[in-house]
Protein backbone atom coordinates (compact mmCIF):
# COMPACT_ATOMS: atom_id res chain seq x y z
CA MET A 1 134.06 106.73 117.84
CA GLU A 2 130.91 104.67 117.53
CA THR A 3 129.66 105.79 120.94
CA LYS A 4 130.10 109.38 120.01
CA ALA A 5 128.17 108.93 116.84
CA VAL A 6 125.39 107.36 118.73
CA ASP A 7 125.40 110.16 121.26
CA GLU A 8 125.33 112.73 118.53
CA ALA A 9 122.46 110.99 116.80
CA GLY A 10 120.37 110.67 120.01
CA PRO A 11 119.59 114.34 120.63
CA GLY A 12 118.58 114.86 117.02
CA THR A 13 116.07 112.05 117.17
CA GLY A 14 114.55 113.44 120.37
CA ALA A 15 114.15 116.85 118.82
CA GLU A 16 112.47 115.38 115.81
CA THR A 17 110.13 113.39 118.08
CA THR A 18 109.23 116.55 120.03
CA ASN A 19 108.61 118.48 116.85
CA GLY A 20 106.34 115.67 115.57
CA LYS A 21 104.27 115.71 118.73
CA GLU A 22 103.91 119.48 118.59
CA HIS A 23 102.85 119.23 114.96
CA GLU A 24 100.27 116.57 115.80
CA GLU A 25 98.95 118.66 118.69
CA LYS A 26 98.66 121.71 116.45
CA THR A 27 96.91 119.64 113.82
CA GLU A 28 94.43 118.26 116.35
CA ALA A 29 93.83 121.75 117.75
CA ALA A 30 93.19 123.08 114.23
CA GLU A 31 90.82 120.23 113.49
CA ALA A 32 88.99 120.81 116.76
CA ALA A 33 88.69 124.54 115.96
CA GLU A 34 87.38 123.73 112.49
CA ALA A 35 84.87 121.27 113.93
CA THR A 36 83.74 123.88 116.46
CA GLU A 37 83.35 126.48 113.72
CA THR A 38 81.43 123.97 111.60
CA ARG A 39 79.07 123.19 114.48
CA THR A 40 78.61 126.88 115.23
CA GLY A 41 77.85 127.60 111.57
CA ALA A 42 75.39 124.72 111.41
CA ALA A 43 73.65 125.97 114.54
CA ARG A 44 73.40 129.45 113.05
CA ASP A 45 71.99 128.03 109.85
CA GLU A 46 69.42 126.05 111.82
CA GLU A 47 68.45 129.14 113.80
CA ALA A 48 68.14 131.18 110.60
CA THR A 49 66.09 128.42 108.98
CA GLY A 50 63.85 128.24 112.05
CA GLU A 51 63.35 132.00 112.01
CA HIS A 52 62.44 131.93 108.31
CA SER A 53 60.04 129.06 108.91
CA ALA A 54 58.42 130.90 111.81
CA GLU A 55 58.07 134.04 109.67
CA ALA A 56 56.60 132.00 106.84
CA GLU A 57 54.10 130.36 109.18
CA ALA A 58 53.21 133.74 110.68
CA ALA A 59 52.70 135.10 107.18
CA GLU A 60 50.56 132.13 106.19
CA VAL A 61 48.24 132.37 109.21
CA PRO A 62 46.71 135.76 108.25
CA ALA A 63 46.31 134.56 104.69
CA GLU A 64 44.40 131.52 105.85
CA ASP A 65 42.32 133.59 108.24
CA GLY A 66 41.61 136.07 105.46
CA SER A 67 40.50 133.32 103.12
CA GLU A 68 38.18 131.91 105.78
CA GLU A 69 36.76 135.37 106.42
CA ALA A 70 36.33 135.86 102.70
CA VAL A 71 34.44 132.60 102.49
CA THR A 72 32.22 133.36 105.48
CA GLU A 73 31.57 136.94 104.42
CA GLY A 74 28.43 137.66 102.48
CA PRO A 75 24.79 138.37 102.97
CA SER A 76 23.68 137.14 106.36
CA GLY A 77 20.01 136.81 105.32
CA VAL A 78 18.69 139.07 108.09
CA GLY A 79 17.25 141.55 105.61
CA GLN A 80 15.60 138.80 103.60
CA GLY A 81 14.02 137.35 106.73
CA ALA A 82 12.71 140.77 107.75
CA GLY A 83 11.30 141.31 104.26
CA ALA A 84 9.54 137.96 104.36
CA VAL A 85 7.92 138.80 107.72
CA VAL A 86 6.85 142.22 106.41
CA SER A 87 5.30 140.58 103.35
CA ALA A 88 3.31 138.19 105.54
CA GLY A 89 2.19 141.06 107.79
CA LEU A 90 1.02 143.14 104.84
CA GLY A 91 -0.89 140.13 103.49
CA ILE A 92 -2.71 139.73 106.80
CA VAL A 93 -3.58 143.44 106.91
CA SER A 94 -4.95 143.24 103.37
CA LEU A 95 -7.42 140.58 104.56
CA THR A 96 -8.40 141.94 107.96
CA GLY A 97 -8.05 145.64 107.27
CA GLY A 98 -5.90 148.09 109.21
CA TRP A 99 -6.50 151.28 111.11
CA ILE A 100 -5.98 153.31 107.96
CA SER A 101 -8.79 151.40 106.23
CA GLY A 102 -11.09 152.09 109.21
CA VAL A 103 -10.22 155.78 109.17
CA ALA A 104 -10.83 156.01 105.41
CA SER A 105 -14.15 154.21 105.74
CA ALA A 106 -15.28 156.46 108.61
CA ARG A 107 -14.26 159.55 106.65
CA GLU A 108 -16.27 158.51 103.58
CA THR A 109 -19.26 157.78 105.82
CA LEU A 110 -19.02 161.24 107.39
CA VAL A 111 -18.72 162.92 103.99
CA GLY A 112 -21.74 160.98 102.72
CA GLN A 113 -23.82 162.01 105.74
CA LEU A 114 -22.93 165.65 105.22
CA HIS A 115 -23.93 165.49 101.56
CA THR A 116 -27.22 163.74 102.23
CA SER A 117 -28.14 166.12 105.03
CA THR A 118 -27.85 169.18 102.81
CA SER A 119 -29.47 167.78 99.68
CA SER A 120 -32.68 166.02 98.75
CA ALA A 121 -31.03 162.83 97.45
CA SER A 122 -32.92 159.65 96.81
CA VAL A 123 -32.64 156.62 99.03
CA ALA A 124 -30.33 154.83 96.56
CA GLU A 125 -28.02 157.84 96.44
CA GLN A 126 -27.99 158.15 100.22
CA ILE A 127 -27.07 154.48 100.60
CA LYS A 128 -24.30 154.84 98.05
CA MET A 129 -22.83 158.01 99.57
CA VAL A 130 -23.02 156.82 103.17
CA TYR A 131 -22.19 153.14 102.86
CA GLY A 132 -21.09 152.43 99.31
CA ASN A 133 -18.20 154.92 99.22
CA ALA A 134 -16.99 153.76 102.64
CA TRP A 135 -17.04 150.12 101.48
CA GLN A 136 -15.06 151.00 98.35
CA ALA A 137 -12.51 152.96 100.40
CA THR A 138 -11.96 149.90 102.59
CA ALA A 139 -11.56 147.71 99.51
CA LEU A 140 -9.14 150.19 97.93
CA TRP A 141 -6.80 150.26 100.93
CA GLY A 142 -7.00 146.50 101.26
CA GLY A 143 -5.92 146.16 97.65
CA LEU A 144 -2.98 148.51 98.20
CA PHE A 145 -1.79 146.43 101.17
CA ALA A 146 -2.18 143.28 99.08
CA LEU A 147 -0.07 144.74 96.26
CA ALA A 148 2.61 145.75 98.77
CA ALA A 149 2.66 142.20 100.18
CA LEU A 150 3.08 140.75 96.69
CA LEU A 151 5.91 143.12 95.78
CA VAL A 152 7.86 142.65 99.01
CA GLY A 153 7.51 138.85 98.85
CA ALA A 154 8.64 138.77 95.22
CA VAL A 155 11.71 140.90 96.04
CA VAL A 156 12.66 138.56 98.88
CA LEU A 157 12.35 135.49 96.67
CA VAL A 158 14.43 136.88 93.79
CA ARG A 159 17.06 138.51 96.03
CA PRO A 160 19.45 135.46 96.10
CA ALA A 161 19.82 135.67 92.32
CA PHE A 162 21.55 139.04 92.74
CA GLY A 163 23.59 138.12 95.83
CA ALA A 164 26.57 135.85 96.53
CA PRO A 165 26.56 132.89 94.11
CA GLY A 166 26.19 129.44 95.57
CA LYS A 167 24.71 130.60 98.87
CA PRO A 168 21.21 129.11 99.27
CA GLN A 169 18.36 131.02 100.88
CA VAL A 170 17.24 129.99 104.34
CA PRO A 171 14.20 127.68 104.02
CA TRP A 172 12.02 129.54 106.54
CA VAL A 173 12.57 132.79 104.66
CA LYS A 174 11.23 131.19 101.49
CA SER A 175 8.24 129.76 103.35
CA VAL A 176 7.29 133.06 104.97
CA ALA A 177 7.77 134.99 101.72
CA TRP A 178 5.58 132.55 99.82
CA GLY A 179 2.99 132.78 102.58
CA GLY A 180 3.01 136.57 102.37
CA MET A 181 2.57 136.45 98.60
CA ALA A 182 -0.31 133.99 98.92
CA LEU A 183 -2.06 136.21 101.46
CA GLY A 184 -1.45 139.22 99.26
CA ALA A 185 -2.93 137.46 96.24
CA VAL A 186 -6.05 136.48 98.17
CA GLY A 187 -6.37 139.99 99.59
CA LEU A 188 -6.04 141.52 96.12
CA VAL A 189 -8.76 139.29 94.70
CA LEU A 190 -11.09 140.12 97.60
CA ALA A 191 -10.35 143.84 97.23
CA VAL A 192 -11.30 143.75 93.54
CA LEU A 193 -14.50 141.84 94.29
CA LYS A 194 -15.50 144.28 97.04
CA TYR A 195 -14.69 147.37 95.00
CA THR A 196 -16.76 146.18 92.05
CA ASP A 197 -19.72 145.22 94.33
CA VAL A 198 -19.44 141.57 93.32
CA LEU A 199 -18.83 140.59 96.93
CA LEU A 200 -21.29 141.99 99.47
CA GLY A 201 -22.64 144.63 97.14
CA LEU A 202 -25.07 147.36 98.18
CA PRO A 203 -28.71 146.38 98.54
CA SER A 204 -30.96 147.43 95.71
CA VAL A 205 -33.83 149.83 96.43
CA GLY A 206 -37.13 148.84 94.81
């Protein structure tokens, strides 16, 4: 009787042991599947985070480039430099005289000769019509060039006040503009003195 009971109890214990092993294997398989899913999800999250980071960096790069371009944009100073050179050139012409001053002087001389040849003018009148008017024409055109030099130089010097704030003017532009204005001022003074016969006036006839 005891042997039979033991025999009957033996198979049941083996079945329970088998069922326990199967349960443990299923549990381990489920845990492994969950771990795999967790790793896969984490990898997807990392990929998504990397993509967002790359997009954010790509979006930030144009913004930075745009800000740098915005900072570097502005007046380049080429026009101001050209204006300064023009002012200096006009100042030199006001002192030395240009071709237009020579043409005006020659024209006044020709007109004076025509008038004196057809009329019985005195010597003083002949000198004035032939030489005096030509001298005044030269002085007049010299004064106009001097005024142009002063105006162009002044515009160049005050231009930064109406441009981009905080951007200083190139030093050589200032120097050339000031030089042009100085030459223009000297040319204007000489033009006034020549036109009023204070400088190199006509000779008096006794």
